[in-house]
Amino acid sequence: MLSRKYSNKMLLLYLLFLMNECKNSETRLQCMVYRLQKSIRTIGSTETFNYKFVRWNLGAYSKELHEDIHFLLQKELIEKSSFQLTEKAKGLVEKNHKFIQIFFHVKESDFDVLIQTLKEMNIQELLLQTYEKFELNTRPMGKVIEDIMYDPEYVGI
């Protein structure tokens, strides 16, 4: 079994790897992880991010995701100015690329198509579409909009 906290960080690095060349912000990452988690769960899979999100000022927000992003910054795995992977992190993900795909049952084409669609949107488009698609305006501020779906500590292979 793999720790949920570890698997979330590993998937976050993989997401950033697939988003290469895309200048990011924490708001964009929060929104994209929410969309990916929600979309993959919609097709019946639990092999995705496992964060608890609440509705916040700029859409979906996860305190744990915020902490994971800052953990990766502290470990110098992502750049502070762009939230892109450092060379150290790129090497780590490239080395473990196939393992990540196999472990999370990631069908590269499905995952890539969704990420490509989301990364091409500017932040305003991304937020607006997320609010509309998931009806976030109907949810009270600070209320849970997406919860942890399986054992909070471990995920199985």
Protein backbone atom coordinates (compact mmCIF):
# COMPACT_ATOMS: atom_id res chain seq x y z
CA MET A 1 0.00 0.00 0.00
CA LEU A 2 1.12 3.52 -0.73
CA SER A 3 0.54 6.53 1.48
CA ARG A 4 -2.14 8.87 0.10
CA LYS A 5 0.10 11.82 0.90
CA TYR A 6 2.91 10.30 -1.15
CA SER A 7 0.64 9.36 -4.06
CA ASN A 8 -0.84 12.90 -4.19
CA LYS A 9 2.64 14.43 -4.40
CA MET A 10 3.74 11.93 -7.03
CA LEU A 11 0.69 12.66 -9.19
CA LEU A 12 1.21 16.40 -8.71
CA LEU A 13 4.77 16.07 -10.04
CA TYR A 14 3.46 14.00 -12.95
CA LEU A 15 0.83 16.64 -13.74
CA LEU A 16 3.48 19.36 -13.78
CA PHE A 17 5.65 17.15 -15.97
CA LEU A 18 2.82 16.84 -18.51
CA MET A 19 2.18 20.57 -18.32
CA ASN A 20 5.76 21.45 -19.28
CA GLU A 21 6.29 24.93 -20.64
CA CYS A 22 3.03 26.11 -19.07
CA LYS A 23 3.49 28.95 -16.61
CA ASN A 24 1.45 28.06 -13.57
CA SER A 25 0.17 29.59 -10.39
CA GLU A 26 -1.21 28.01 -7.29
CA THR A 27 -4.73 29.05 -8.35
CA ARG A 28 -4.29 27.27 -11.71
CA LEU A 29 -2.93 24.15 -10.01
CA GLN A 30 -5.75 24.09 -7.45
CA CYS A 31 -8.31 24.36 -10.24
CA MET A 32 -6.65 21.79 -12.50
CA VAL A 33 -6.20 19.21 -9.75
CA TYR A 34 -9.84 19.68 -8.74
CA ARG A 35 -10.99 19.24 -12.36
CA LEU A 36 -8.79 16.16 -12.89
CA GLN A 37 -9.85 14.56 -9.62
CA LYS A 38 -13.53 15.23 -10.30
CA SER A 39 -13.37 14.13 -13.96
CA ILE A 40 -11.50 10.90 -13.30
CA ARG A 41 -13.84 10.02 -10.43
CA THR A 42 -16.81 10.68 -12.73
CA ILE A 43 -15.73 7.80 -14.96
CA GLY A 44 -15.65 5.55 -11.89
CA SER A 45 -11.95 5.44 -11.08
CA THR A 46 -10.37 6.11 -7.71
CA GLU A 47 -6.88 6.13 -9.25
CA THR A 48 -6.49 9.88 -9.09
CA PHE A 49 -5.71 12.69 -6.71
CA ASN A 50 -7.40 12.31 -3.34
CA TYR A 51 -7.79 15.79 -1.88
CA LYS A 52 -10.59 17.43 0.07
CA PHE A 53 -11.71 20.64 -1.67
CA VAL A 54 -13.85 23.49 -0.39
CA ARG A 55 -15.37 26.34 -2.37
CA TRP A 56 -13.23 29.41 -1.90
CA ASN A 57 -12.81 32.87 -3.41
CA LEU A 58 -11.21 31.64 -6.63
CA GLY A 59 -12.97 28.31 -6.98
CA ALA A 60 -11.97 24.97 -5.52
CA TYR A 61 -9.32 25.06 -2.78
CA SER A 62 -7.56 22.30 -0.88
CA LYS A 63 -5.44 23.12 2.16
CA GLU A 64 -3.58 19.83 1.76
CA LEU A 65 -2.82 20.58 -1.90
CA HIS A 66 -1.54 24.01 -0.82
CA GLU A 67 0.76 22.26 1.68
CA ASP A 68 1.93 19.76 -0.97
CA ILE A 69 2.79 22.58 -3.37
CA HIS A 70 4.83 24.31 -0.68
CA PHE A 71 6.51 21.03 0.25
CA LEU A 72 7.62 20.65 -3.39
CA LEU A 73 8.85 24.26 -3.37
CA GLN A 74 10.88 23.65 -0.18
CA LYS A 75 12.42 20.51 -1.67
CA GLU A 76 13.32 22.55 -4.78
CA LEU A 77 11.28 20.27 -7.05
CA ILE A 78 9.27 23.14 -8.53
CA GLU A 79 10.21 26.72 -9.41
CA LYS A 80 8.66 29.41 -7.22
CA SER A 81 8.08 31.91 -10.02
CA SER A 82 6.43 29.55 -12.52
CA PHE A 83 5.52 26.40 -10.59
CA GLN A 84 7.35 24.43 -13.28
CA LEU A 85 9.46 21.39 -12.48
CA THR A 86 13.13 21.92 -11.70
CA GLU A 87 15.70 19.82 -13.58
CA LYS A 88 16.00 17.63 -10.48
CA ALA A 89 12.24 16.91 -10.53
CA LYS A 90 12.16 16.35 -14.30
CA GLY A 91 14.80 13.65 -13.91
CA LEU A 92 12.85 12.05 -11.08
CA VAL A 93 9.59 11.96 -13.07
CA GLU A 94 11.28 10.81 -16.29
CA LYS A 95 12.93 7.98 -14.35
CA ASN A 96 9.58 6.92 -12.80
CA HIS A 97 7.26 7.86 -15.68
CA LYS A 98 6.19 4.29 -16.53
CA PHE A 99 5.78 3.33 -12.87
CA ILE A 100 3.43 6.28 -12.31
CA GLN A 101 1.36 5.35 -15.35
CA ILE A 102 1.11 1.71 -14.29
CA PHE A 103 0.46 2.41 -10.61
CA PHE A 104 -2.31 4.92 -11.28
CA HIS A 105 -3.65 3.09 -14.35
CA VAL A 106 -3.10 6.32 -16.26
CA LYS A 107 -4.00 5.95 -19.89
CA GLU A 108 -1.66 8.56 -21.21
CA SER A 109 -3.97 9.62 -24.00
CA ASP A 110 -6.98 10.22 -21.70
CA PHE A 111 -4.95 12.06 -19.08
CA ASP A 112 -3.03 14.03 -21.70
CA VAL A 113 -6.15 15.14 -23.59
CA LEU A 114 -7.74 16.55 -20.44
CA ILE A 115 -4.53 18.24 -19.33
CA GLN A 116 -3.91 19.71 -22.79
CA THR A 117 -7.42 21.13 -22.87
CA LEU A 118 -7.09 22.67 -19.41
CA LYS A 119 -3.56 24.03 -19.81
CA GLU A 120 -4.48 25.89 -23.01
CA MET A 121 -7.11 27.93 -21.19
CA ASN A 122 -6.14 31.21 -19.59
CA ILE A 123 -6.83 31.35 -15.87
CA GLN A 124 -10.06 33.34 -16.25
CA GLU A 125 -11.47 30.80 -18.74
CA LEU A 126 -10.41 27.91 -16.54
CA LEU A 127 -12.06 29.37 -13.43
CA LEU A 128 -15.24 30.39 -15.26
CA GLN A 129 -15.65 27.01 -16.91
CA THR A 130 -15.00 25.23 -13.60
CA TYR A 131 -17.59 27.38 -11.80
CA GLU A 132 -20.14 26.66 -14.53
CA LYS A 133 -19.42 22.97 -15.11
CA PHE A 134 -19.47 22.05 -11.43
CA GLU A 135 -22.01 24.71 -10.33
CA LEU A 136 -19.68 26.11 -7.69
CA ASN A 137 -21.75 29.31 -7.41
CA THR A 138 -24.53 27.26 -5.84
CA ARG A 139 -22.24 26.07 -3.05
CA PRO A 140 -21.69 28.16 0.10
CA MET A 141 -18.22 29.60 0.64
CA GLY A 142 -16.03 27.31 2.73
CA LYS A 143 -18.21 24.21 2.27
CA VAL A 144 -16.76 20.91 1.08
CA ILE A 145 -17.34 20.43 -2.65
CA GLU A 146 -15.20 17.31 -3.13
CA ASP A 147 -14.19 15.01 -0.31
CA ILE A 148 -11.60 12.31 0.15
CA MET A 149 -13.17 9.25 -1.46
CA TYR A 150 -11.19 6.34 -0.02
CA ASP A 151 -9.01 5.48 2.91
CA PRO A 152 -7.33 8.76 3.86
CA GLU A 153 -4.02 7.12 4.72
CA TYR A 154 -3.38 4.42 2.11
CA VAL A 155 -4.20 3.51 -1.44
CA GLY A 156 -3.69 0.04 -2.81
CA ILE A 157 -2.06 -1.10 -5.97
